[in-house]
N, C-alpha and C. Protein backbone atom coordinates (compact mmCIF):
# COMPACT_ATOMS: atom_id res chain seq x y z
N MET A 1 0.85 104.66 -54.06
CA MET A 1 0.70 103.35 -53.47
C MET A 1 0.05 102.41 -54.48
N SER A 2 -0.48 101.31 -53.96
CA SER A 2 -1.09 100.31 -54.81
C SER A 2 -2.60 100.51 -54.84
N ASP A 3 -3.19 100.11 -55.97
CA ASP A 3 -4.64 100.21 -56.07
C ASP A 3 -5.30 98.90 -55.68
N ALA A 4 -4.52 97.95 -55.12
CA ALA A 4 -5.08 96.69 -54.66
C ALA A 4 -5.66 96.85 -53.26
N ALA A 5 -6.80 96.24 -53.06
CA ALA A 5 -7.42 96.27 -51.74
C ALA A 5 -6.55 95.48 -50.77
N PRO A 6 -6.43 95.92 -49.50
CA PRO A 6 -5.55 95.25 -48.53
C PRO A 6 -5.83 93.75 -48.40
N GLY A 7 -7.07 93.32 -48.51
CA GLY A 7 -7.40 91.92 -48.32
C GLY A 7 -7.45 91.12 -49.60
N ASP A 8 -7.07 91.72 -50.73
CA ASP A 8 -7.15 91.05 -52.03
C ASP A 8 -5.87 90.27 -52.28
N ALA A 9 -5.88 88.98 -51.90
CA ALA A 9 -4.68 88.13 -51.99
C ALA A 9 -4.17 88.02 -53.42
N ARG A 10 -5.06 87.91 -54.39
CA ARG A 10 -4.62 87.78 -55.79
C ARG A 10 -3.86 89.01 -56.23
N SER A 11 -4.35 90.20 -55.88
CA SER A 11 -3.65 91.44 -56.25
C SER A 11 -2.28 91.51 -55.63
N ILE A 12 -2.17 91.05 -54.40
CA ILE A 12 -0.87 91.05 -53.70
C ILE A 12 0.08 90.08 -54.40
N ASP A 13 -0.42 88.89 -54.77
CA ASP A 13 0.40 87.92 -55.48
C ASP A 13 0.94 88.49 -56.78
N VAL A 14 0.06 89.16 -57.53
CA VAL A 14 0.44 89.74 -58.81
C VAL A 14 1.46 90.88 -58.60
N LYS A 15 1.20 91.72 -57.63
CA LYS A 15 2.08 92.86 -57.37
C LYS A 15 3.50 92.43 -57.05
N TYR A 16 3.66 91.39 -56.24
CA TYR A 16 4.98 90.98 -55.78
C TYR A 16 5.53 89.77 -56.53
N GLY A 17 4.80 89.32 -57.57
CA GLY A 17 5.27 88.21 -58.37
C GLY A 17 5.24 86.86 -57.64
N LEU A 18 4.29 86.69 -56.72
CA LEU A 18 4.19 85.47 -55.93
C LEU A 18 3.28 84.46 -56.59
N GLU A 19 3.56 83.19 -56.34
CA GLU A 19 2.66 82.14 -56.80
C GLU A 19 1.51 82.07 -55.83
N PRO A 20 0.31 81.75 -56.30
CA PRO A 20 -0.82 81.65 -55.38
C PRO A 20 -0.63 80.54 -54.37
N VAL A 21 -1.12 80.74 -53.18
CA VAL A 21 -1.05 79.74 -52.13
C VAL A 21 -2.32 78.91 -52.18
N LEU A 22 -2.18 77.59 -52.17
CA LEU A 22 -3.34 76.72 -52.18
C LEU A 22 -3.71 76.39 -50.76
N ASP A 23 -4.95 76.58 -50.43
CA ASP A 23 -5.47 76.22 -49.11
C ASP A 23 -6.02 74.81 -49.22
N LEU A 24 -5.30 73.83 -48.64
CA LEU A 24 -5.71 72.45 -48.77
C LEU A 24 -6.97 72.13 -48.00
N GLY A 25 -7.42 73.06 -47.15
CA GLY A 25 -8.67 72.87 -46.44
C GLY A 25 -9.87 73.23 -47.28
N SER A 26 -9.65 73.88 -48.40
CA SER A 26 -10.72 74.29 -49.28
C SER A 26 -10.73 73.39 -50.52
N PRO A 27 -11.88 73.15 -51.09
CA PRO A 27 -11.91 72.35 -52.32
C PRO A 27 -11.21 73.07 -53.46
N VAL A 28 -10.49 72.31 -54.27
CA VAL A 28 -9.77 72.86 -55.40
C VAL A 28 -10.65 72.73 -56.63
N ASP A 29 -10.80 73.82 -57.39
CA ASP A 29 -11.60 73.79 -58.60
C ASP A 29 -10.71 73.26 -59.72
N ASP A 30 -10.83 71.97 -60.01
CA ASP A 30 -10.01 71.34 -61.03
C ASP A 30 -10.84 70.62 -62.07
N GLY A 31 -12.02 71.13 -62.32
CA GLY A 31 -12.87 70.55 -63.33
C GLY A 31 -13.55 69.26 -62.92
N GLY A 32 -13.69 69.04 -61.63
CA GLY A 32 -14.41 67.88 -61.15
C GLY A 32 -13.54 66.78 -60.58
N ALA A 33 -12.25 66.78 -60.80
CA ALA A 33 -11.38 65.75 -60.24
C ALA A 33 -11.04 66.13 -58.80
N SER A 34 -11.82 65.63 -57.86
CA SER A 34 -11.74 66.06 -56.48
C SER A 34 -10.46 65.65 -55.78
N ASN A 35 -9.77 64.63 -56.28
CA ASN A 35 -8.57 64.16 -55.60
C ASN A 35 -7.30 64.44 -56.38
N SER A 36 -7.29 65.45 -57.25
CA SER A 36 -6.14 65.66 -58.12
C SER A 36 -4.94 66.27 -57.40
N LEU A 37 -5.14 67.01 -56.32
CA LEU A 37 -4.04 67.61 -55.57
C LEU A 37 -4.15 67.12 -54.14
N GLN A 38 -3.08 66.44 -53.68
CA GLN A 38 -3.09 65.89 -52.34
C GLN A 38 -1.80 66.23 -51.62
N SER A 39 -1.89 66.32 -50.32
CA SER A 39 -0.72 66.56 -49.48
C SER A 39 -0.38 65.24 -48.77
N HIS A 40 0.90 64.87 -48.83
CA HIS A 40 1.35 63.64 -48.15
C HIS A 40 2.63 63.96 -47.36
N THR A 41 2.73 63.39 -46.20
CA THR A 41 3.92 63.55 -45.38
C THR A 41 4.96 62.54 -45.85
N VAL A 42 6.15 63.01 -46.16
CA VAL A 42 7.26 62.16 -46.59
C VAL A 42 8.44 62.39 -45.66
N GLN A 43 9.31 61.41 -45.61
CA GLN A 43 10.52 61.52 -44.78
C GLN A 43 11.71 61.63 -45.72
N CYS A 44 12.55 62.62 -45.48
CA CYS A 44 13.73 62.85 -46.31
C CYS A 44 14.71 61.70 -46.13
N PRO A 45 15.21 61.12 -47.24
CA PRO A 45 16.18 60.03 -47.13
C PRO A 45 17.59 60.52 -46.73
N TYR A 46 17.78 61.84 -46.66
CA TYR A 46 19.07 62.38 -46.26
C TYR A 46 19.07 62.76 -44.78
N CYS A 47 18.18 63.69 -44.40
CA CYS A 47 18.21 64.23 -43.03
C CYS A 47 17.23 63.52 -42.10
N GLY A 48 16.31 62.74 -42.65
CA GLY A 48 15.35 62.00 -41.82
C GLY A 48 14.16 62.80 -41.34
N GLU A 49 14.13 64.10 -41.67
CA GLU A 49 13.01 64.94 -41.23
C GLU A 49 11.80 64.71 -42.11
N SER A 50 10.62 64.86 -41.52
CA SER A 50 9.37 64.71 -42.28
C SER A 50 8.84 66.08 -42.68
N PHE A 51 8.23 66.13 -43.87
CA PHE A 51 7.60 67.36 -44.35
C PHE A 51 6.44 66.98 -45.26
N ASP A 52 5.55 67.93 -45.49
CA ASP A 52 4.41 67.70 -46.37
C ASP A 52 4.77 68.06 -47.80
N ALA A 53 4.52 67.13 -48.70
CA ALA A 53 4.76 67.34 -50.12
C ALA A 53 3.41 67.40 -50.84
N GLN A 54 3.30 68.29 -51.79
CA GLN A 54 2.08 68.40 -52.60
C GLN A 54 2.22 67.47 -53.80
N LEU A 55 1.27 66.59 -53.97
CA LEU A 55 1.27 65.65 -55.09
C LEU A 55 0.15 66.00 -56.06
N ASP A 56 0.51 66.14 -57.33
CA ASP A 56 -0.47 66.44 -58.37
C ASP A 56 -0.74 65.14 -59.13
N LEU A 57 -1.95 64.62 -58.98
CA LEU A 57 -2.31 63.32 -59.56
C LEU A 57 -2.84 63.44 -60.99
N THR A 58 -2.99 64.66 -61.50
CA THR A 58 -3.61 64.86 -62.81
C THR A 58 -2.81 64.26 -63.97
N ALA A 59 -1.50 64.16 -63.84
CA ALA A 59 -0.67 63.64 -64.93
C ALA A 59 -0.47 62.14 -64.84
N GLY A 60 -1.03 61.50 -63.82
CA GLY A 60 -0.86 60.05 -63.67
C GLY A 60 0.45 59.74 -62.97
N SER A 61 0.87 58.49 -63.08
CA SER A 61 2.11 58.05 -62.43
C SER A 61 3.30 58.83 -63.02
N ALA A 62 4.26 59.18 -62.14
CA ALA A 62 5.39 59.98 -62.59
C ALA A 62 6.56 59.81 -61.65
N SER A 63 7.75 60.08 -62.17
CA SER A 63 8.97 60.17 -61.37
C SER A 63 9.52 61.56 -61.58
N TYR A 64 9.89 62.22 -60.49
CA TYR A 64 10.45 63.57 -60.58
C TYR A 64 11.31 63.84 -59.36
N VAL A 65 12.11 64.89 -59.43
CA VAL A 65 13.01 65.27 -58.35
C VAL A 65 12.51 66.56 -57.73
N GLU A 66 12.46 66.56 -56.40
CA GLU A 66 12.06 67.74 -55.63
C GLU A 66 13.04 67.85 -54.45
N ASP A 67 13.43 69.06 -54.12
CA ASP A 67 14.35 69.27 -53.00
C ASP A 67 13.65 69.12 -51.66
N CYS A 68 14.38 68.57 -50.67
CA CYS A 68 13.87 68.48 -49.31
C CYS A 68 13.63 69.90 -48.78
N GLN A 69 12.52 70.11 -48.13
CA GLN A 69 12.18 71.43 -47.61
C GLN A 69 13.04 71.80 -46.39
N ILE A 70 13.76 70.84 -45.82
CA ILE A 70 14.56 71.10 -44.64
C ILE A 70 16.04 71.25 -45.01
N CYS A 71 16.62 70.20 -45.67
CA CYS A 71 18.06 70.20 -45.94
C CYS A 71 18.41 70.54 -47.40
N CYS A 72 17.42 70.69 -48.27
CA CYS A 72 17.60 71.10 -49.68
C CYS A 72 18.27 70.05 -50.55
N GLN A 73 18.39 68.82 -50.10
CA GLN A 73 18.97 67.76 -50.92
C GLN A 73 17.93 67.25 -51.92
N PRO A 74 18.37 66.79 -53.10
CA PRO A 74 17.41 66.33 -54.12
C PRO A 74 16.82 64.96 -53.76
N ILE A 75 15.50 64.87 -53.79
CA ILE A 75 14.79 63.61 -53.51
C ILE A 75 14.05 63.19 -54.77
N GLU A 76 14.23 61.91 -55.15
CA GLU A 76 13.49 61.39 -56.29
C GLU A 76 12.17 60.84 -55.78
N PHE A 77 11.08 61.39 -56.31
CA PHE A 77 9.72 60.95 -55.97
C PHE A 77 9.24 60.03 -57.06
N ASN A 78 8.71 58.87 -56.69
CA ASN A 78 8.07 57.94 -57.63
C ASN A 78 6.62 57.82 -57.24
N LEU A 79 5.78 58.55 -57.94
CA LEU A 79 4.35 58.63 -57.66
C LEU A 79 3.60 57.62 -58.49
N GLU A 80 2.74 56.85 -57.85
CA GLU A 80 1.91 55.87 -58.56
C GLU A 80 0.44 56.31 -58.44
N VAL A 81 -0.22 56.36 -59.60
CA VAL A 81 -1.63 56.74 -59.68
C VAL A 81 -2.35 55.60 -60.41
N ASP A 82 -3.47 55.14 -59.87
CA ASP A 82 -4.19 54.03 -60.50
C ASP A 82 -4.99 54.51 -61.71
N SER A 83 -5.63 53.58 -62.41
CA SER A 83 -6.35 53.89 -63.65
C SER A 83 -7.52 54.83 -63.43
N ALA A 84 -8.02 54.91 -62.19
CA ALA A 84 -9.14 55.82 -61.88
C ALA A 84 -8.63 57.22 -61.53
N GLY A 85 -7.31 57.41 -61.50
CA GLY A 85 -6.75 58.71 -61.16
C GLY A 85 -6.58 58.95 -59.67
N ASP A 86 -6.67 57.85 -58.88
CA ASP A 86 -6.51 57.97 -57.43
C ASP A 86 -5.09 57.61 -57.01
N PHE A 87 -4.66 58.17 -55.89
CA PHE A 87 -3.34 57.88 -55.33
C PHE A 87 -3.18 56.40 -55.06
N ALA A 88 -2.09 55.80 -55.55
CA ALA A 88 -1.85 54.37 -55.34
C ALA A 88 -0.58 54.12 -54.52
N GLY A 89 0.36 55.06 -54.53
CA GLY A 89 1.58 54.87 -53.76
C GLY A 89 2.61 55.94 -54.05
N LEU A 90 3.59 56.05 -53.13
CA LEU A 90 4.67 57.03 -53.28
C LEU A 90 5.91 56.45 -52.63
N SER A 91 7.01 56.48 -53.35
CA SER A 91 8.30 56.13 -52.76
C SER A 91 9.28 57.27 -52.98
N THR A 92 10.19 57.43 -52.05
CA THR A 92 11.20 58.48 -52.18
C THR A 92 12.58 57.85 -52.04
N LEU A 93 13.51 58.34 -52.87
CA LEU A 93 14.87 57.85 -52.89
C LEU A 93 15.83 59.04 -52.92
N ARG A 94 17.07 58.77 -52.54
CA ARG A 94 18.09 59.80 -52.71
C ARG A 94 18.23 60.12 -54.18
N GLY A 95 18.31 61.39 -54.50
CA GLY A 95 18.37 61.82 -55.90
C GLY A 95 19.76 61.86 -56.48
N ASP A 96 20.76 61.38 -55.75
CA ASP A 96 22.13 61.45 -56.29
C ASP A 96 22.59 60.20 -56.92
């Protein structure tokens, strides 16, 4: 069997090749930037369903494509971060 303790989440992640799960209720150790990872509810421009998207503010303003968690269509995210590194805005568009 495995030498990982049953409650050792990190060992389970390593054993099965899983990415670690972030608990948004707990503070994230990111070197002092307390607002670097945020969860925001967005509405898919294809299916209209709402879902929570994780936004990483550490890289500043960015545009990127992420699939809808419901219908899997590509959504273009336009993230705006102000000069202090705080969330300033988010828009979503069809990625096609």
